[in-house]
Amino acid sequence: MDSHVGQAQPDNAELQRREAAKWEGIAFTFCKAATLAFLAMLLAGPKYVLTLIALGTVFCYVVMMWHGRMDTRCFAKSPPLICGFWGAVALGAGYCAWAGIELPSILRLGGWQ
């Protein structure tokens, strides 16, 4: 039996609202990322942006786990795994920044000055 029988199809306005909500969510995610990058640049300078944001991610997940929550909306789904990954990124990026090693850029748009 068809599961859509008896269900009203969304009208054009509803479809447009859903599409707008989807894109607002994506835009908000980019807004958060840009805000974090901007604040990290103000606090630590351009060399340490990735290090600071990665450490902030680890800190927030550790606090979350400390308070008893062990699930997340992140696609990785495992806070300890996420902490391990971003902790390794923070260590690697911090070492590279400290040692003057430029991180590779896939797009080759330029490096640190």
C-alpha atoms as a PDB file:
ATOM      1  CA  MET A   1       0.000   0.000   0.000  1.00  0.00           C
ATOM      2  CA  ASP A   2       1.260   3.478  -0.837  1.00  0.00           C
ATOM      3  CA  SER A   3       2.351   5.381   2.282  1.00  0.00           C
ATOM      4  CA  HIS A   4       1.526   8.730   0.653  1.00  0.00           C
ATOM      5  CA  VAL A   5      -2.202   7.961   0.325  1.00  0.00           C
ATOM      6  CA  GLY A   6      -4.194  10.431   2.372  1.00  0.00           C
ATOM      7  CA  GLN A   7      -1.253  12.804   2.861  1.00  0.00           C
ATOM      8  CA  ALA A   8      -1.520  16.276   1.378  1.00  0.00           C
ATOM      9  CA  GLN A   9       1.310  17.217  -0.937  1.00  0.00           C
ATOM     10  CA  PRO A  10       3.179  20.357   0.151  1.00  0.00           C
ATOM     11  CA  ASP A  11       2.306  23.402  -1.895  1.00  0.00           C
ATOM     12  CA  ASN A  12       4.829  25.565  -3.711  1.00  0.00           C
ATOM     13  CA  ALA A  13       5.099  28.037  -0.807  1.00  0.00           C
ATOM     14  CA  GLU A  14       5.908  25.203   1.617  1.00  0.00           C
ATOM     15  CA  LEU A  15       8.550  23.765  -0.726  1.00  0.00           C
ATOM     16  CA  GLN A  16      10.093  27.226  -1.068  1.00  0.00           C
ATOM     17  CA  ARG A  17      10.082  27.666   2.735  1.00  0.00           C
ATOM     18  CA  ARG A  18      11.827  24.315   3.203  1.00  0.00           C
ATOM     19  CA  GLU A  19      14.456  25.144   0.567  1.00  0.00           C
ATOM     20  CA  ALA A  20      15.054  28.549   2.153  1.00  0.00           C
ATOM     21  CA  ALA A  21      15.398  26.925   5.594  1.00  0.00           C
ATOM     22  CA  LYS A  22      17.926  24.424   4.231  1.00  0.00           C
ATOM     23  CA  TRP A  23      20.056  27.200   2.724  1.00  0.00           C
ATOM     24  CA  GLU A  24      19.753  29.319   5.868  1.00  0.00           C
ATOM     25  CA  GLY A  25      21.187  26.402   7.839  1.00  0.00           C
ATOM     26  CA  ILE A  26      24.120  26.109   5.453  1.00  0.00           C
ATOM     27  CA  ALA A  27      24.670  29.885   5.518  1.00  0.00           C
ATOM     28  CA  PHE A  28      24.577  29.885   9.333  1.00  0.00           C
ATOM     29  CA  THR A  29      27.207  27.130   9.427  1.00  0.00           C
ATOM     30  CA  PHE A  30      29.510  29.208   7.218  1.00  0.00           C
ATOM     31  CA  CYS A  31      28.785  32.277   9.349  1.00  0.00           C
ATOM     32  CA  LYS A  32      29.872  30.390  12.474  1.00  0.00           C
ATOM     33  CA  ALA A  33      33.031  29.155  10.732  1.00  0.00           C
ATOM     34  CA  ALA A  34      33.925  32.646   9.506  1.00  0.00           C
ATOM     35  CA  THR A  35      33.282  34.127  12.945  1.00  0.00           C
ATOM     36  CA  LEU A  36      35.527  31.543  14.591  1.00  0.00           C
ATOM     37  CA  ALA A  37      38.283  32.119  12.032  1.00  0.00           C
ATOM     38  CA  PHE A  38      38.023  35.892  12.510  1.00  0.00           C
ATOM     39  CA  LEU A  39      38.190  35.626  16.304  1.00  0.00           C
ATOM     40  CA  ALA A  40      41.088  33.170  16.125  1.00  0.00           C
ATOM     41  CA  MET A  41      42.990  35.537  13.829  1.00  0.00           C
ATOM     42  CA  LEU A  42      42.415  38.399  16.261  1.00  0.00           C
ATOM     43  CA  LEU A  43      43.537  36.300  19.229  1.00  0.00           C
ATOM     44  CA  ALA A  44      46.402  34.298  17.777  1.00  0.00           C
ATOM     45  CA  GLY A  45      47.327  35.647  14.351  1.00  0.00           C
ATOM     46  CA  PRO A  46      46.941  33.942  10.987  1.00  0.00           C
ATOM     47  CA  LYS A  47      49.530  31.219  11.603  1.00  0.00           C
ATOM     48  CA  TYR A  48      47.637  29.814  14.571  1.00  0.00           C
ATOM     49  CA  VAL A  49      44.019  29.999  13.335  1.00  0.00           C
ATOM     50  CA  LEU A  50      43.671  26.256  12.714  1.00  0.00           C
ATOM     51  CA  THR A  51      45.446  25.399  15.973  1.00  0.00           C
ATOM     52  CA  LEU A  52      43.206  27.643  18.060  1.00  0.00           C
ATOM     53  CA  ILE A  53      39.946  26.523  16.432  1.00  0.00           C
ATOM     54  CA  ALA A  54      40.930  22.846  16.702  1.00  0.00           C
ATOM     55  CA  LEU A  55      41.786  23.300  20.396  1.00  0.00           C
ATOM     56  CA  GLY A  56      38.475  25.082  20.936  1.00  0.00           C
ATOM     57  CA  THR A  57      36.672  22.146  19.336  1.00  0.00           C
ATOM     58  CA  VAL A  58      38.448  19.673  21.604  1.00  0.00           C
ATOM     59  CA  PHE A  59      37.746  21.828  24.662  1.00  0.00           C
ATOM     60  CA  CYS A  60      34.016  22.083  23.908  1.00  0.00           C
ATOM     61  CA  TYR A  61      33.641  18.342  23.301  1.00  0.00           C
ATOM     62  CA  VAL A  62      35.576  17.498  26.472  1.00  0.00           C
ATOM     63  CA  VAL A  63      33.339  19.809  28.516  1.00  0.00           C
ATOM     64  CA  MET A  64      30.279  18.260  26.847  1.00  0.00           C
ATOM     65  CA  MET A  65      31.477  14.748  27.757  1.00  0.00           C
ATOM     66  CA  TRP A  66      32.384  15.893  31.292  1.00  0.00           C
ATOM     67  CA  HIS A  67      28.752  16.922  31.716  1.00  0.00           C
ATOM     68  CA  GLY A  68      27.593  13.468  30.637  1.00  0.00           C
ATOM     69  CA  ARG A  69      26.594  13.851  27.010  1.00  0.00           C
ATOM     70  CA  MET A  70      28.121  11.270  24.670  1.00  0.00           C
ATOM     71  CA  ASP A  71      26.237  11.966  21.442  1.00  0.00           C
ATOM     72  CA  THR A  72      26.635  14.705  18.868  1.00  0.00           C
ATOM     73  CA  ARG A  73      25.156  15.936  15.596  1.00  0.00           C
ATOM     74  CA  CYS A  74      28.635  15.727  14.033  1.00  0.00           C
ATOM     75  CA  PHE A  75      28.843  13.163  11.236  1.00  0.00           C
ATOM     76  CA  ALA A  76      31.656  11.361  13.091  1.00  0.00           C
ATOM     77  CA  LYS A  77      29.167  10.588  15.925  1.00  0.00           C
ATOM     78  CA  SER A  78      31.871   9.744  18.503  1.00  0.00           C
ATOM     79  CA  PRO A  79      33.059  12.648  20.696  1.00  0.00           C
ATOM     80  CA  PRO A  80      36.260  10.840  21.793  1.00  0.00           C
ATOM     81  CA  LEU A  81      37.109  10.162  18.138  1.00  0.00           C
ATOM     82  CA  ILE A  82      36.371  13.790  17.247  1.00  0.00           C
ATOM     83  CA  CYS A  83      38.609  14.981  20.115  1.00  0.00           C
ATOM     84  CA  GLY A  84      41.412  12.696  18.973  1.00  0.00           C
ATOM     85  CA  PHE A  85      41.200  13.922  15.388  1.00  0.00           C
ATOM     86  CA  TRP A  86      41.053  17.643  16.210  1.00  0.00           C
ATOM     87  CA  GLY A  87      43.696  17.206  18.924  1.00  0.00           C
ATOM     88  CA  ALA A  88      46.049  15.710  16.337  1.00  0.00           C
ATOM     89  CA  VAL A  89      45.201  18.529  13.917  1.00  0.00           C
ATOM     90  CA  ALA A  90      45.920  21.113  16.635  1.00  0.00           C
ATOM     91  CA  LEU A  91      49.268  19.509  17.462  1.00  0.00           C
ATOM     92  CA  GLY A  92      50.297  19.231  13.834  1.00  0.00           C
ATOM     93  CA  ALA A  93      49.162  22.718  12.851  1.00  0.00           C
ATOM     94  CA  GLY A  94      50.670  24.246  15.989  1.00  0.00           C
ATOM     95  CA  TYR A  95      54.002  22.561  15.365  1.00  0.00           C
ATOM     96  CA  CYS A  96      54.007  23.649  11.720  1.00  0.00           C
ATOM     97  CA  ALA A  97      53.206  27.238  12.674  1.00  0.00           C
ATOM     98  CA  TRP A  98      55.860  27.263  15.397  1.00  0.00           C
ATOM     99  CA  ALA A  99      58.504  25.676  13.154  1.00  0.00           C
ATOM    100  CA  GLY A 100      57.654  27.864  10.151  1.00  0.00           C
ATOM    101  CA  ILE A 101      56.494  24.931   8.024  1.00  0.00           C
ATOM    102  CA  GLU A 102      53.771  25.961   5.590  1.00  0.00           C
ATOM    103  CA  LEU A 103      50.747  23.692   5.572  1.00  0.00           C
ATOM    104  CA  PRO A 104      49.944  22.374   2.102  1.00  0.00           C
ATOM    105  CA  SER A 105      47.167  24.095   0.195  1.00  0.00           C
ATOM    106  CA  ILE A 106      45.108  22.108  -2.261  1.00  0.00           C
ATOM    107  CA  LEU A 107      44.065  25.253  -4.109  1.00  0.00           C
ATOM    108  CA  ARG A 108      47.526  26.864  -3.941  1.00  0.00           C
ATOM    109  CA  LEU A 109      46.023  30.285  -3.188  1.00  0.00           C
ATOM    110  CA  GLY A 110      49.011  31.447  -1.196  1.00  0.00           C
ATOM    111  CA  GLY A 111      50.637  30.831   2.123  1.00  0.00           C
ATOM    112  CA  TRP A 112      51.637  32.641   5.250  1.00  0.00           C
ATOM    113  CA  GLN A 113      53.617  35.816   4.859  1.00  0.00           C
END
